[in-house]
Amino acid sequence: MVEPNQIKQYIESGLECEFVEVAGDGHHFEAVIVSPAFRGKSKIQQHQLVYRVLGDRMREEIHALSMRTLTPEEWGK
């Protein structure tokens, strides 16, 4: 079973992040991700970036991931 801190590490290793917080029960997870890579992208494009970073883990290890994605400017408000 995958732990929230593992998902956090996966995201941080593949995406420049200013803040990442992941919570969950081993099957369903919620994440807050703040990244400058999200600038100028729609929410769908931001989520696609995260899904690309997680790759096959989304099918094999992570059953559900709810995300709140923000640019550093949005996070600072």
PDB file of N, CA and C in Angstrom:
ATOM      1  N   MET A   1       0.853  -1.181   0.000  1.00  0.00           N
ATOM      2  CA  MET A   1       0.000   0.000   0.000  1.00  0.00           C
ATOM      3  C   MET A   1       0.896   1.240   0.000  1.00  0.00           C
ATOM      4  N   VAL A   2       0.575   2.179  -0.839  1.00  0.00           N
ATOM      5  CA  VAL A   2       1.353   3.407  -0.957  1.00  0.00           C
ATOM      6  C   VAL A   2       0.926   4.392   0.137  1.00  0.00           C
ATOM      7  N   GLU A   3       1.897   5.119   0.641  1.00  0.00           N
ATOM      8  CA  GLU A   3       1.663   6.094   1.706  1.00  0.00           C
ATOM      9  C   GLU A   3       1.651   7.509   1.127  1.00  0.00           C
ATOM     10  N   PRO A   4       0.946   8.438   1.776  1.00  0.00           N
ATOM     11  CA  PRO A   4       0.915   9.817   1.288  1.00  0.00           C
ATOM     12  C   PRO A   4       2.304  10.432   1.097  1.00  0.00           C
ATOM     13  N   ASN A   5       3.242  10.133   2.006  1.00  0.00           N
ATOM     14  CA  ASN A   5       4.580  10.719   1.871  1.00  0.00           C
ATOM     15  C   ASN A   5       5.307  10.199   0.633  1.00  0.00           C
ATOM     16  N   GLN A   6       4.989   8.988   0.186  1.00  0.00           N
ATOM     17  CA  GLN A   6       5.584   8.461  -1.047  1.00  0.00           C
ATOM     18  C   GLN A   6       5.076   9.237  -2.259  1.00  0.00           C
ATOM     19  N   ILE A   7       3.788   9.502  -2.289  1.00  0.00           N
ATOM     20  CA  ILE A   7       3.212  10.267  -3.399  1.00  0.00           C
ATOM     21  C   ILE A   7       3.812  11.667  -3.416  1.00  0.00           C
ATOM     22  N   LYS A   8       3.972  12.260  -2.247  1.00  0.00           N
ATOM     23  CA  LYS A   8       4.601  13.576  -2.139  1.00  0.00           C
ATOM     24  C   LYS A   8       5.998  13.537  -2.750  1.00  0.00           C
ATOM     25  N   GLN A   9       6.771  12.512  -2.430  1.00  0.00           N
ATOM     26  CA  GLN A   9       8.123  12.380  -2.978  1.00  0.00           C
ATOM     27  C   GLN A   9       8.103  12.190  -4.489  1.00  0.00           C
ATOM     28  N   TYR A  10       7.167  11.380  -4.989  1.00  0.00           N
ATOM     29  CA  TYR A  10       7.042  11.176  -6.438  1.00  0.00           C
ATOM     30  C   TYR A  10       6.816  12.515  -7.142  1.00  0.00           C
ATOM     31  N   ILE A  11       5.883  13.309  -6.602  1.00  0.00           N
ATOM     32  CA  ILE A  11       5.546  14.591  -7.220  1.00  0.00           C
ATOM     33  C   ILE A  11       6.742  15.537  -7.167  1.00  0.00           C
ATOM     34  N   GLU A  12       7.373  15.640  -6.002  1.00  0.00           N
ATOM     35  CA  GLU A  12       8.503  16.558  -5.840  1.00  0.00           C
ATOM     36  C   GLU A  12       9.707  16.161  -6.690  1.00  0.00           C
ATOM     37  N   SER A  13       9.861  14.873  -6.951  1.00  0.00           N
ATOM     38  CA  SER A  13      11.018  14.435  -7.743  1.00  0.00           C
ATOM     39  C   SER A  13      10.838  14.721  -9.235  1.00  0.00           C
ATOM     40  N   GLY A  14       9.587  14.909  -9.688  1.00  0.00           N
ATOM     41  CA  GLY A  14       9.364  15.111 -11.111  1.00  0.00           C
ATOM     42  C   GLY A  14       8.841  16.470 -11.504  1.00  0.00           C
ATOM     43  N   LEU A  15       8.593  17.336 -10.503  1.00  0.00           N
ATOM     44  CA  LEU A  15       7.990  18.630 -10.785  1.00  0.00           C
ATOM     45  C   LEU A  15       8.564  19.658  -9.811  1.00  0.00           C
ATOM     46  N   GLU A  16       8.946  20.822 -10.335  1.00  0.00           N
ATOM     47  CA  GLU A  16       9.435  21.891  -9.463  1.00  0.00           C
ATOM     48  C   GLU A  16       8.263  22.380  -8.615  1.00  0.00           C
ATOM     49  N   CYS A  17       8.389  22.231  -7.306  1.00  0.00           N
ATOM     50  CA  CYS A  17       7.296  22.584  -6.407  1.00  0.00           C
ATOM     51  C   CYS A  17       7.778  23.498  -5.297  1.00  0.00           C
ATOM     52  N   GLU A  18       6.908  24.412  -4.914  1.00  0.00           N
ATOM     53  CA  GLU A  18       7.174  25.253  -3.752  1.00  0.00           C
ATOM     54  C   GLU A  18       6.511  24.687  -2.511  1.00  0.00           C
ATOM     55  N   PHE A  19       5.461  23.894  -2.711  1.00  0.00           N
ATOM     56  CA  PHE A  19       4.748  23.288  -1.588  1.00  0.00           C
ATOM     57  C   PHE A  19       3.992  22.077  -2.104  1.00  0.00           C
ATOM     58  N   VAL A  20       4.052  20.985  -1.349  1.00  0.00           N
ATOM     59  CA  VAL A  20       3.261  19.794  -1.663  1.00  0.00           C
ATOM     60  C   VAL A  20       2.792  19.200  -0.341  1.00  0.00           C
ATOM     61  N   GLU A  21       1.495  18.925  -0.271  1.00  0.00           N
ATOM     62  CA  GLU A  21       0.927  18.248   0.890  1.00  0.00           C
ATOM     63  C   GLU A  21       0.004  17.157   0.372  1.00  0.00           C
ATOM     64  N   VAL A  22       0.186  15.939   0.864  1.00  0.00           N
ATOM     65  CA  VAL A  22      -0.644  14.817   0.430  1.00  0.00           C
ATOM     66  C   VAL A  22      -1.185  14.115   1.669  1.00  0.00           C
ATOM     67  N   ALA A  23      -2.472  13.836   1.655  1.00  0.00           N
ATOM     68  CA  ALA A  23      -3.128  13.086   2.727  1.00  0.00           C
ATOM     69  C   ALA A  23      -3.932  11.971   2.084  1.00  0.00           C
ATOM     70  N   GLY A  24      -4.158  10.895   2.836  1.00  0.00           N
ATOM     71  CA  GLY A  24      -4.965   9.816   2.292  1.00  0.00           C
ATOM     72  C   GLY A  24      -4.933   8.577   3.141  1.00  0.00           C
ATOM     73  N   ASP A  25      -5.704   7.600   2.711  1.00  0.00           N
ATOM     74  CA  ASP A  25      -5.874   6.365   3.475  1.00  0.00           C
ATOM     75  C   ASP A  25      -5.202   5.152   2.840  1.00  0.00           C
ATOM     76  N   GLY A  26      -4.353   5.374   1.857  1.00  0.00           N
ATOM     77  CA  GLY A  26      -3.698   4.258   1.179  1.00  0.00           C
ATOM     78  C   GLY A  26      -4.340   3.904  -0.152  1.00  0.00           C
ATOM     79  N   HIS A  27      -5.555   4.368  -0.370  1.00  0.00           N
ATOM     80  CA  HIS A  27      -6.259   4.116  -1.630  1.00  0.00           C
ATOM     81  C   HIS A  27      -6.725   5.425  -2.274  1.00  0.00           C
ATOM     82  N   HIS A  28      -7.252   6.321  -1.452  1.00  0.00           N
ATOM     83  CA  HIS A  28      -7.763   7.599  -1.920  1.00  0.00           C
ATOM     84  C   HIS A  28      -6.916   8.705  -1.305  1.00  0.00           C
ATOM     85  N   PHE A  29      -6.485   9.633  -2.152  1.00  0.00           N
ATOM     86  CA  PHE A  29      -5.570  10.677  -1.699  1.00  0.00           C
ATOM     87  C   PHE A  29      -6.044  12.049  -2.126  1.00  0.00           C
ATOM     88  N   GLU A  30      -5.639  13.053  -1.341  1.00  0.00           N
ATOM     89  CA  GLU A  30      -5.892  14.450  -1.652  1.00  0.00           C
ATOM     90  C   GLU A  30      -4.554  15.164  -1.613  1.00  0.00           C
ATOM     91  N   ALA A  31      -4.300  16.024  -2.581  1.00  0.00           N
ATOM     92  CA  ALA A  31      -3.028  16.735  -2.644  1.00  0.00           C
ATOM     93  C   ALA A  31      -3.242  18.214  -2.912  1.00  0.00           C
ATOM     94  N   VAL A  32      -2.395  19.028  -2.289  1.00  0.00           N
ATOM     95  CA  VAL A  32      -2.277  20.448  -2.599  1.00  0.00           C
ATOM     96  C   VAL A  32      -0.881  20.606  -3.171  1.00  0.00           C
ATOM     97  N   ILE A  33      -0.793  21.137  -4.388  1.00  0.00           N
ATOM     98  CA  ILE A  33       0.488  21.249  -5.083  1.00  0.00           C
ATOM     99  C   ILE A  33       0.638  22.679  -5.591  1.00  0.00           C
ATOM    100  N   VAL A  34       1.746  23.321  -5.200  1.00  0.00           N
ATOM    101  CA  VAL A  34       2.048  24.676  -5.637  1.00  0.00           C
ATOM    102  C   VAL A  34       3.318  24.607  -6.483  1.00  0.00           C
ATOM    103  N   SER A  35       3.198  25.018  -7.744  1.00  0.00           N
ATOM    104  CA  SER A  35       4.336  24.920  -8.646  1.00  0.00           C
ATOM    105  C   SER A  35       4.361  26.079  -9.634  1.00  0.00           C
ATOM    106  N   PRO A  36       5.558  26.637  -9.887  1.00  0.00           N
ATOM    107  CA  PRO A  36       5.661  27.649 -10.934  1.00  0.00           C
ATOM    108  C   PRO A  36       5.404  27.063 -12.320  1.00  0.00           C
ATOM    109  N   ALA A  37       5.511  25.754 -12.469  1.00  0.00           N
ATOM    110  CA  ALA A  37       5.246  25.100 -13.751  1.00  0.00           C
ATOM    111  C   ALA A  37       3.779  25.222 -14.159  1.00  0.00           C
ATOM    112  N   PHE A  38       2.919  25.580 -13.217  1.00  0.00           N
ATOM    113  CA  PHE A  38       1.492  25.710 -13.511  1.00  0.00           C
ATOM    114  C   PHE A  38       1.125  27.060 -14.127  1.00  0.00           C
ATOM    115  N   ARG A  39       2.047  28.002 -14.119  1.00  0.00           N
ATOM    116  CA  ARG A  39       1.747  29.341 -14.653  1.00  0.00           C
ATOM    117  C   ARG A  39       1.313  29.259 -16.115  1.00  0.00           C
ATOM    118  N   GLY A  40       0.217  29.952 -16.428  1.00  0.00           N
ATOM    119  CA  GLY A  40      -0.260  30.027 -17.802  1.00  0.00           C
ATOM    120  C   GLY A  40      -0.984  28.785 -18.285  1.00  0.00           C
ATOM    121  N   LYS A  41      -1.203  27.816 -17.395  1.00  0.00           N
ATOM    122  CA  LYS A  41      -1.881  26.574 -17.784  1.00  0.00           C
ATOM    123  C   LYS A  41      -3.268  26.507 -17.142  1.00  0.00           C
ATOM    124  N   SER A  42      -4.183  25.870 -17.844  1.00  0.00           N
ATOM    125  CA  SER A  42      -5.514  25.642 -17.281  1.00  0.00           C
ATOM    126  C   SER A  42      -5.414  24.600 -16.172  1.00  0.00           C
ATOM    127  N   LYS A  43      -6.453  24.477 -15.373  1.00  0.00           N
ATOM    128  CA  LYS A  43      -6.468  23.458 -14.303  1.00  0.00           C
ATOM    129  C   LYS A  43      -6.291  22.063 -14.894  1.00  0.00           C
ATOM    130  N   ILE A  44      -6.921  21.817 -16.029  1.00  0.00           N
ATOM    131  CA  ILE A  44      -6.785  20.502 -16.671  1.00  0.00           C
ATOM    132  C   ILE A  44      -5.330  20.254 -17.048  1.00  0.00           C
ATOM    133  N   GLN A  45      -4.673  21.250 -17.637  1.00  0.00           N
ATOM    134  CA  GLN A  45      -3.263  21.097 -18.017  1.00  0.00           C
ATOM    135  C   GLN A  45      -2.373  20.922 -16.778  1.00  0.00           C
ATOM    136  N   GLN A  46      -2.702  21.614 -15.698  1.00  0.00           N
ATOM    137  CA  GLN A  46      -1.941  21.462 -14.457  1.00  0.00           C
ATOM    138  C   GLN A  46      -2.060  20.033 -13.929  1.00  0.00           C
ATOM    139  N   HIS A  47      -3.275  19.512 -13.921  1.00  0.00           N
ATOM    140  CA  HIS A  47      -3.490  18.145 -13.448  1.00  0.00           C
ATOM    141  C   HIS A  47      -2.789  17.142 -14.358  1.00  0.00           C
ATOM    142  N   GLN A  48      -2.811  17.401 -15.662  1.00  0.00           N
ATOM    143  CA  GLN A  48      -2.121  16.508 -16.601  1.00  0.00           C
ATOM    144  C   GLN A  48      -0.622  16.468 -16.325  1.00  0.00           C
ATOM    145  N   LEU A  49      -0.035  17.601 -15.947  1.00  0.00           N
ATOM    146  CA  LEU A  49       1.386  17.619 -15.584  1.00  0.00           C
ATOM    147  C   LEU A  49       1.658  16.678 -14.415  1.00  0.00           C
ATOM    148  N   VAL A  50       0.803  16.753 -13.409  1.00  0.00           N
ATOM    149  CA  VAL A  50       0.979  15.893 -12.227  1.00  0.00           C
ATOM    150  C   VAL A  50       0.785  14.431 -12.615  1.00  0.00           C
ATOM    151  N   TYR A  51      -0.235  14.136 -13.411  1.00  0.00           N
ATOM    152  CA  TYR A  51      -0.466  12.751 -13.846  1.00  0.00           C
ATOM    153  C   TYR A  51       0.727  12.213 -14.630  1.00  0.00           C
ATOM    154  N   ARG A  52       1.347  13.063 -15.465  1.00  0.00           N
ATOM    155  CA  ARG A  52       2.535  12.630 -16.209  1.00  0.00           C
ATOM    156  C   ARG A  52       3.677  12.279 -15.267  1.00  0.00           C
ATOM    157  N   VAL A  53       3.850  13.094 -14.234  1.00  0.00           N
ATOM    158  CA  VAL A  53       4.904  12.832 -13.243  1.00  0.00           C
ATOM    159  C   VAL A  53       4.643  11.493 -12.537  1.00  0.00           C
ATOM    160  N   LEU A  54       3.394  11.228 -12.217  1.00  0.00           N
ATOM    161  CA  LEU A  54       3.064   9.988 -11.503  1.00  0.00           C
ATOM    162  C   LEU A  54       3.061   8.778 -12.431  1.00  0.00           C
ATOM    163  N   GLY A  55       2.834   8.996 -13.707  1.00  0.00           N
ATOM    164  CA  GLY A  55       2.910   7.934 -14.707  1.00  0.00           C
ATOM    165  C   GLY A  55       2.087   6.702 -14.376  1.00  0.00           C
ATOM    166  N   ASP A  56       2.706   5.532 -14.506  1.00  0.00           N
ATOM    167  CA  ASP A  56       2.016   4.262 -14.289  1.00  0.00           C
ATOM    168  C   ASP A  56       1.550   4.063 -12.853  1.00  0.00           C
ATOM    169  N   ARG A  57       2.106   4.831 -11.940  1.00  0.00           N
ATOM    170  CA  ARG A  57       1.680   4.707 -10.538  1.00  0.00           C
ATOM    171  C   ARG A  57       0.190   5.009 -10.388  1.00  0.00           C
ATOM    172  N   MET A  58      -0.350   5.853 -11.289  1.00  0.00           N
ATOM    173  CA  MET A  58      -1.772   6.183 -11.222  1.00  0.00           C
ATOM    174  C   MET A  58      -2.644   4.959 -11.494  1.00  0.00           C
ATOM    175  N   ARG A  59      -2.145   4.025 -12.237  1.00  0.00           N
ATOM    176  CA  ARG A  59      -2.915   2.806 -12.509  1.00  0.00           C
ATOM    177  C   ARG A  59      -2.592   1.698 -11.516  1.00  0.00           C
ATOM    178  N   GLU A  60      -1.345   1.645 -11.105  1.00  0.00           N
ATOM    179  CA  GLU A  60      -0.881   0.510 -10.314  1.00  0.00           C
ATOM    180  C   GLU A  60      -0.953   0.717  -8.806  1.00  0.00           C
ATOM    181  N   GLU A  61      -0.650   1.926  -8.328  1.00  0.00           N
ATOM    182  CA  GLU A  61      -0.552   2.149  -6.888  1.00  0.00           C
ATOM    183  C   GLU A  61      -1.611   3.096  -6.337  1.00  0.00           C
ATOM    184  N   ILE A  62      -1.980   4.097  -7.129  1.00  0.00           N
ATOM    185  CA  ILE A  62      -2.859   5.158  -6.649  1.00  0.00           C
ATOM    186  C   ILE A  62      -4.225   4.985  -7.310  1.00  0.00           C
ATOM    187  N   HIS A  63      -5.239   4.727  -6.507  1.00  0.00           N
ATOM    188  CA  HIS A  63      -6.558   4.464  -7.070  1.00  0.00           C
ATOM    189  C   HIS A  63      -7.354   5.747  -7.311  1.00  0.00           C
ATOM    190  N   ALA A  64      -7.146   6.740  -6.447  1.00  0.00           N
ATOM    191  CA  ALA A  64      -7.873   8.002  -6.614  1.00  0.00           C
ATOM    192  C   ALA A  64      -7.027   9.133  -6.043  1.00  0.00           C
ATOM    193  N   LEU A  65      -6.911  10.214  -6.810  1.00  0.00           N
ATOM    194  CA  LEU A  65      -6.146  11.370  -6.370  1.00  0.00           C
ATOM    195  C   LEU A  65      -6.923  12.632  -6.696  1.00  0.00           C
ATOM    196  N   SER A  66      -7.313  13.344  -5.667  1.00  0.00           N
ATOM    197  CA  SER A  66      -7.967  14.636  -5.813  1.00  0.00           C
ATOM    198  C   SER A  66      -6.886  15.698  -5.624  1.00  0.00           C
ATOM    199  N   MET A  67      -6.825  16.663  -6.544  1.00  0.00           N
ATOM    200  CA  MET A  67      -5.762  17.657  -6.490  1.00  0.00           C
ATOM    201  C   MET A  67      -6.295  19.077  -6.442  1.00  0.00           C
ATOM    202  N   ARG A  68      -5.598  19.884  -5.691  1.00  0.00           N
ATOM    203  CA  ARG A  68      -5.771  21.344  -5.735  1.00  0.00           C
ATOM    204  C   ARG A  68      -4.425  21.868  -6.210  1.00  0.00           C
ATOM    205  N   THR A  69      -4.385  22.380  -7.421  1.00  0.00           N
ATOM    206  CA  THR A  69      -3.129  22.869  -8.010  1.00  0.00           C
ATOM    207  C   THR A  69      -3.163  24.397  -8.064  1.00  0.00           C
ATOM    208  N   LEU A  70      -2.025  24.993  -7.686  1.00  0.00           N
ATOM    209  CA  LEU A  70      -1.944  26.438  -7.608  1.00  0.00           C
ATOM    210  C   LEU A  70      -0.585  26.920  -8.081  1.00  0.00           C
ATOM    211  N   THR A  71      -0.560  28.123  -8.664  1.00  0.00           N
ATOM    212  CA  THR A  71       0.712  28.779  -8.939  1.00  0.00           C
ATOM    213  C   THR A  71       1.163  29.423  -7.618  1.00  0.00           C
ATOM    214  N   PRO A  72       2.441  29.781  -7.519  1.00  0.00           N
ATOM    215  CA  PRO A  72       2.891  30.462  -6.294  1.00  0.00           C
ATOM    216  C   PRO A  72       2.108  31.756  -6.022  1.00  0.00           C
ATOM    217  N   GLU A  73       1.725  32.453  -7.074  1.00  0.00           N
ATOM    218  CA  GLU A  73       0.947  33.693  -6.906  1.00  0.00           C
ATOM    219  C   GLU A  73      -0.434  33.401  -6.317  1.00  0.00           C
ATOM    220  N   GLU A  74      -1.091  32.362  -6.806  1.00  0.00           N
ATOM    221  CA  GLU A  74      -2.401  31.977  -6.274  1.00  0.00           C
ATOM    222  C   GLU A  74      -2.284  31.526  -4.813  1.00  0.00           C
ATOM    223  N   TRP A  75      -1.219  30.818  -4.516  1.00  0.00           N
ATOM    224  CA  TRP A  75      -0.977  30.300  -3.160  1.00  0.00           C
ATOM    225  C   TRP A  75      -0.767  31.449  -2.174  1.00  0.00           C
ATOM    226  N   GLY A  76      -0.134  32.526  -2.638  1.00  0.00           N
ATOM    227  CA  GLY A  76       0.176  33.655  -1.771  1.00  0.00           C
ATOM    228  C   GLY A  76      -1.004  34.532  -1.417  1.00  0.00           C
ATOM    229  N   LYS A  77      -2.115  34.338  -2.108  1.00  0.00           N
ATOM    230  CA  LYS A  77      -3.306  35.187  -1.864  1.00  0.00           C
ATOM    231  C   LYS A  77      -4.076  34.742  -0.643  1.00  0.00           C
TER     232      LYS A  77
END
